[in-house]
């Protein structure tokens, strides 16, 4: 079965997905933002807990991007069947 063509109509959706995936990729790479010890959280310096904080955030943003992608692909398939 051939894939329906992606139109410019749904391009903003794919930009949103790209941004959602880019955020958790870029933020941990900006070391100068979190290369410090204060404030501490449960005895952990900021340097450590900031990185650990991004684990659930990255998982959530990835899940949201996945759901958007699957819904958009379903809409594209339904539009191709008409």
C-alpha atoms as a PDB file:
ATOM      1  CA  UNK A   1       0.000   0.000   0.000  1.00  0.00           C
ATOM      2  CA  UNK A   2       1.433   3.374  -0.986  1.00  0.00           C
ATOM      3  CA  UNK A   3       1.876   6.106   1.577  1.00  0.00           C
ATOM      4  CA  UNK A   4      -0.330   9.163   1.058  1.00  0.00           C
ATOM      5  CA  UNK A   5       1.700  12.257   0.183  1.00  0.00           C
ATOM      6  CA  UNK A   6       2.391  14.733   2.947  1.00  0.00           C
ATOM      7  CA  UNK A   7       1.027  18.112   2.085  1.00  0.00           C
ATOM      8  CA  UNK A   8       2.022  21.572   3.206  1.00  0.00           C
ATOM      9  CA  UNK A   9      -1.261  21.588   5.111  1.00  0.00           C
ATOM     10  CA  UNK A  10       0.197  19.451   7.901  1.00  0.00           C
ATOM     11  CA  UNK A  11       3.714  20.917   7.900  1.00  0.00           C
ATOM     12  CA  UNK A  12       3.178  22.875  11.195  1.00  0.00           C
ATOM     13  CA  UNK A  13       2.402  19.573  12.922  1.00  0.00           C
ATOM     14  CA  UNK A  14       5.779  18.172  11.917  1.00  0.00           C
ATOM     15  CA  UNK A  15       7.518  21.373  13.034  1.00  0.00           C
ATOM     16  CA  UNK A  16       5.858  20.973  16.434  1.00  0.00           C
ATOM     17  CA  UNK A  17       7.061  17.372  16.670  1.00  0.00           C
ATOM     18  CA  UNK A  18      10.582  18.481  15.779  1.00  0.00           C
ATOM     19  CA  UNK A  19      10.570  21.189  18.433  1.00  0.00           C
ATOM     20  CA  UNK A  20       9.217  18.788  21.064  1.00  0.00           C
ATOM     21  CA  UNK A  21      12.089  16.401  20.314  1.00  0.00           C
ATOM     22  CA  UNK A  22      14.689  19.146  20.065  1.00  0.00           C
ATOM     23  CA  UNK A  23      14.036  20.615  23.525  1.00  0.00           C
ATOM     24  CA  UNK A  24      15.162  17.593  25.594  1.00  0.00           C
ATOM     25  CA  UNK A  25      18.102  17.091  23.254  1.00  0.00           C
ATOM     26  CA  UNK A  26      19.494  20.616  23.442  1.00  0.00           C
ATOM     27  CA  UNK A  27      18.808  21.603  27.043  1.00  0.00           C
ATOM     28  CA  UNK A  28      21.121  19.030  28.701  1.00  0.00           C
ATOM     29  CA  UNK A  29      23.860  20.032  26.246  1.00  0.00           C
ATOM     30  CA  UNK A  30      23.857  23.602  27.576  1.00  0.00           C
ATOM     31  CA  UNK A  31      26.238  22.828  30.422  1.00  0.00           C
ATOM     32  CA  UNK A  32      26.920  26.463  31.286  1.00  0.00           C
ATOM     33  CA  UNK A  33      23.295  26.726  32.484  1.00  0.00           C
ATOM     34  CA  UNK A  34      23.655  24.089  35.187  1.00  0.00           C
ATOM     35  CA  UNK A  35      27.376  23.894  35.990  1.00  0.00           C
ATOM     36  CA  UNK A  36      26.929  24.983  39.609  1.00  0.00           C
ATOM     37  CA  UNK A  37      26.224  23.441  42.982  1.00  0.00           C
ATOM     38  CA  UNK A  38      23.454  25.662  44.363  1.00  0.00           C
ATOM     39  CA  UNK A  39      20.553  25.158  44.891  1.00  0.00           C
ATOM     40  CA  UNK A  40      20.685  21.687  46.382  1.00  0.00           C
ATOM     41  CA  UNK A  41      17.755  19.290  46.390  1.00  0.00           C
ATOM     42  CA  UNK A  42      17.790  16.492  48.990  1.00  0.00           C
ATOM     43  CA  UNK A  43      21.549  16.977  49.292  1.00  0.00           C
ATOM     44  CA  UNK A  44      22.182  16.669  45.548  1.00  0.00           C
ATOM     45  CA  UNK A  45      23.915  19.606  43.856  1.00  0.00           C
ATOM     46  CA  UNK A  46      22.045  21.381  41.091  1.00  0.00           C
ATOM     47  CA  UNK A  47      24.420  19.885  38.521  1.00  0.00           C
ATOM     48  CA  UNK A  48      23.077  16.372  39.214  1.00  0.00           C
ATOM     49  CA  UNK A  49      19.393  16.905  39.877  1.00  0.00           C
ATOM     50  CA  UNK A  50      18.993  19.166  36.828  1.00  0.00           C
ATOM     51  CA  UNK A  51      20.147  16.339  34.574  1.00  0.00           C
ATOM     52  CA  UNK A  52      17.929  13.797  36.342  1.00  0.00           C
ATOM     53  CA  UNK A  53      14.990  16.207  36.039  1.00  0.00           C
ATOM     54  CA  UNK A  54      15.249  15.961  32.245  1.00  0.00           C
ATOM     55  CA  UNK A  55      14.641  12.202  32.213  1.00  0.00           C
ATOM     56  CA  UNK A  56      10.869  12.366  32.892  1.00  0.00           C
ATOM     57  CA  UNK A  57      10.553  15.599  30.918  1.00  0.00           C
ATOM     58  CA  UNK A  58      12.230  14.019  27.876  1.00  0.00           C
ATOM     59  CA  UNK A  59      10.068  10.904  28.187  1.00  0.00           C
ATOM     60  CA  UNK A  60       6.899  13.029  28.390  1.00  0.00           C
ATOM     61  CA  UNK A  61       7.836  15.229  25.424  1.00  0.00           C
ATOM     62  CA  UNK A  62       8.783  12.163  23.377  1.00  0.00           C
ATOM     63  CA  UNK A  63       5.443  10.531  24.184  1.00  0.00           C
ATOM     64  CA  UNK A  64       3.566  13.684  23.185  1.00  0.00           C
ATOM     65  CA  UNK A  65       5.506  13.848  19.909  1.00  0.00           C
ATOM     66  CA  UNK A  66       4.715  10.175  19.278  1.00  0.00           C
ATOM     67  CA  UNK A  67       0.991  10.699  19.867  1.00  0.00           C
ATOM     68  CA  UNK A  68       0.927  13.737  17.575  1.00  0.00           C
ATOM     69  CA  UNK A  69       2.777  11.771  14.897  1.00  0.00           C
ATOM     70  CA  UNK A  70       0.476   8.751  15.045  1.00  0.00           C
ATOM     71  CA  UNK A  71      -2.653  10.924  14.955  1.00  0.00           C
ATOM     72  CA  UNK A  72      -1.341  12.916  12.001  1.00  0.00           C
ATOM     73  CA  UNK A  73      -0.434   9.759  10.094  1.00  0.00           C
ATOM     74  CA  UNK A  74      -3.907   8.378  10.774  1.00  0.00           C
ATOM     75  CA  UNK A  75      -5.456  11.591   9.425  1.00  0.00           C
ATOM     76  CA  UNK A  76      -3.205  11.394   6.350  1.00  0.00           C
ATOM     77  CA  UNK A  77      -4.301   7.779   5.736  1.00  0.00           C
ATOM     78  CA  UNK A  78      -7.978   8.688   6.122  1.00  0.00           C
ATOM     79  CA  UNK A  79      -7.567  11.627   3.747  1.00  0.00           C
ATOM     80  CA  UNK A  80      -5.922   9.314   1.213  1.00  0.00           C
ATOM     81  CA  UNK A  81      -8.811   6.839   1.348  1.00  0.00           C
ATOM     82  CA  UNK A  82     -11.386   9.448   0.392  1.00  0.00           C
END
